[in-house]
């Protein structure tokens, strides 16, 4: 297992095996800090979305991330719980915009649309 540097604290850490596709500088502690600042209490479904976003971005590194493709993938992944509508109950700032912040990713263009309910 390789080690990376936590850019926030300057510490060495081993990547978390639960987040195999996480960006190198990302830690779950940073995600928890962001969640507290945004008044979110993270549960397993929040973490599942974070892992899903990180995996999607890893699989699409070579090309542009299309918002529609990402939204469709999340809808399918969480279909059994209500899809994207369910994700909005977990991430009131928008599952993609707010989820990407927690996942250490840059949200794709158009993920924040104040007129369409994404308020982040």
Protein backbone atom coordinates (compact mmCIF):
# COMPACT_ATOMS: atom_id res chain seq x y z
CA UNK A 1 0.00 0.00 0.00
CA UNK A 2 1.43 3.35 -0.98
CA UNK A 3 1.45 6.33 1.28
CA UNK A 4 0.32 9.84 0.43
CA UNK A 5 0.51 13.17 2.16
CA UNK A 6 -2.59 14.70 3.72
CA UNK A 7 -2.36 18.21 2.25
CA UNK A 8 -4.50 19.71 5.00
CA UNK A 9 -2.44 18.53 7.96
CA UNK A 10 0.87 17.56 6.30
CA UNK A 11 0.63 14.02 7.76
CA UNK A 12 1.42 10.73 6.11
CA UNK A 13 -1.48 8.33 5.72
CA UNK A 14 -2.36 5.10 3.97
CA UNK A 15 -5.26 5.38 1.51
CA UNK A 16 -8.56 4.07 2.89
CA UNK A 17 -9.46 0.75 1.24
CA UNK A 18 -13.17 1.69 1.43
CA UNK A 19 -12.42 4.55 -0.98
CA UNK A 20 -10.24 2.90 -3.63
CA UNK A 21 -11.01 5.55 -6.26
CA UNK A 22 -10.52 8.61 -4.06
CA UNK A 23 -8.30 11.45 -5.27
CA UNK A 24 -4.82 11.18 -3.70
CA UNK A 25 -5.25 14.26 -1.49
CA UNK A 26 -8.73 13.27 -0.26
CA UNK A 27 -9.49 11.90 3.22
CA UNK A 28 -12.76 10.95 4.87
CA UNK A 29 -11.87 13.35 7.70
CA UNK A 30 -11.89 16.27 5.25
CA UNK A 31 -15.26 15.08 3.90
CA UNK A 32 -16.64 14.94 7.45
CA UNK A 33 -15.37 18.47 8.10
CA UNK A 34 -17.07 19.76 4.93
CA UNK A 35 -20.26 17.92 5.91
CA UNK A 36 -20.28 19.58 9.34
CA UNK A 37 -19.82 22.99 7.73
CA UNK A 38 -22.80 22.23 5.45
CA UNK A 39 -24.94 20.86 8.31
CA UNK A 40 -24.95 17.28 7.04
CA UNK A 41 -24.77 14.20 9.22
CA UNK A 42 -23.16 11.51 7.08
CA UNK A 43 -24.73 8.08 6.99
CA UNK A 44 -23.92 5.02 4.92
CA UNK A 45 -25.88 6.26 1.88
CA UNK A 46 -23.89 9.51 1.91
CA UNK A 47 -20.66 7.52 1.85
CA UNK A 48 -22.06 5.26 -0.89
CA UNK A 49 -22.68 8.34 -3.04
CA UNK A 50 -19.15 9.61 -2.33
CA UNK A 51 -17.69 6.24 -3.38
CA UNK A 52 -19.93 6.17 -6.46
CA UNK A 53 -18.84 9.65 -7.54
CA UNK A 54 -15.17 8.84 -7.02
CA UNK A 55 -15.49 5.64 -9.03
CA UNK A 56 -17.40 7.35 -11.85
CA UNK A 57 -14.76 10.08 -12.13
CA UNK A 58 -11.96 7.49 -12.14
CA UNK A 59 -13.63 5.52 -14.93
CA UNK A 60 -14.11 8.67 -17.01
CA UNK A 61 -10.72 10.32 -16.42
CA UNK A 62 -9.86 10.46 -20.09
CA UNK A 63 -12.96 12.29 -21.26
CA UNK A 64 -15.19 15.10 -20.17
CA UNK A 65 -17.62 14.26 -17.38
CA UNK A 66 -21.10 14.85 -18.74
CA UNK A 67 -23.62 15.90 -16.12
CA UNK A 68 -26.43 13.90 -17.71
CA UNK A 69 -24.38 10.68 -17.77
CA UNK A 70 -23.40 11.15 -14.13
CA UNK A 71 -26.98 11.88 -13.08
CA UNK A 72 -28.22 8.80 -14.95
CA UNK A 73 -25.55 6.62 -13.31
CA UNK A 74 -26.51 7.86 -9.84
CA UNK A 75 -30.20 7.40 -10.58
CA UNK A 76 -29.52 3.81 -11.57
CA UNK A 77 -27.24 3.12 -8.60
CA UNK A 78 -29.86 4.39 -6.13
CA UNK A 79 -32.93 3.32 -8.11
CA UNK A 80 -34.02 0.83 -5.44
CA UNK A 81 -34.26 3.71 -2.91
CA UNK A 82 -35.88 6.28 -5.18
CA UNK A 83 -33.03 7.38 -7.45
CA UNK A 84 -31.98 11.00 -7.73
CA UNK A 85 -35.09 12.18 -5.85
CA UNK A 86 -33.92 10.17 -2.84
CA UNK A 87 -30.42 11.63 -3.17
CA UNK A 88 -31.82 15.15 -2.91
CA UNK A 89 -33.19 14.20 0.53
CA UNK A 90 -29.62 13.31 1.57
CA UNK A 91 -27.91 16.21 -0.20
CA UNK A 92 -30.19 19.25 -0.17
CA UNK A 93 -27.45 21.23 -1.95
CA UNK A 94 -27.69 18.80 -4.87
CA UNK A 95 -26.31 15.26 -4.91
CA UNK A 96 -23.78 16.04 -7.61
CA UNK A 97 -22.61 19.52 -6.53
CA UNK A 98 -22.57 18.82 -2.80
CA UNK A 99 -21.51 15.19 -3.27
CA UNK A 100 -18.53 16.20 -5.40
CA UNK A 101 -17.36 18.62 -2.71
CA UNK A 102 -17.46 15.81 -0.15
CA UNK A 103 -15.75 13.41 -2.57
CA UNK A 104 -12.88 15.82 -3.31
CA UNK A 105 -13.95 16.22 -6.95
CA UNK A 106 -14.67 19.15 -9.22
CA UNK A 107 -18.35 19.08 -10.12
CA UNK A 108 -19.07 18.98 -13.85
CA UNK A 109 -20.29 22.09 -15.62
CA UNK A 110 -23.94 22.76 -14.94
CA UNK A 111 -24.08 20.83 -11.65
CA UNK A 112 -24.98 24.00 -9.79
CA UNK A 113 -28.14 25.55 -11.16
CA UNK A 114 -29.86 27.86 -8.70
CA UNK A 115 -33.01 27.93 -10.80
CA UNK A 116 -33.34 24.14 -10.77
CA UNK A 117 -33.00 23.37 -7.09
CA UNK A 118 -29.26 22.93 -6.66
CA UNK A 119 -28.39 25.60 -4.15
CA UNK A 120 -24.72 24.88 -3.56
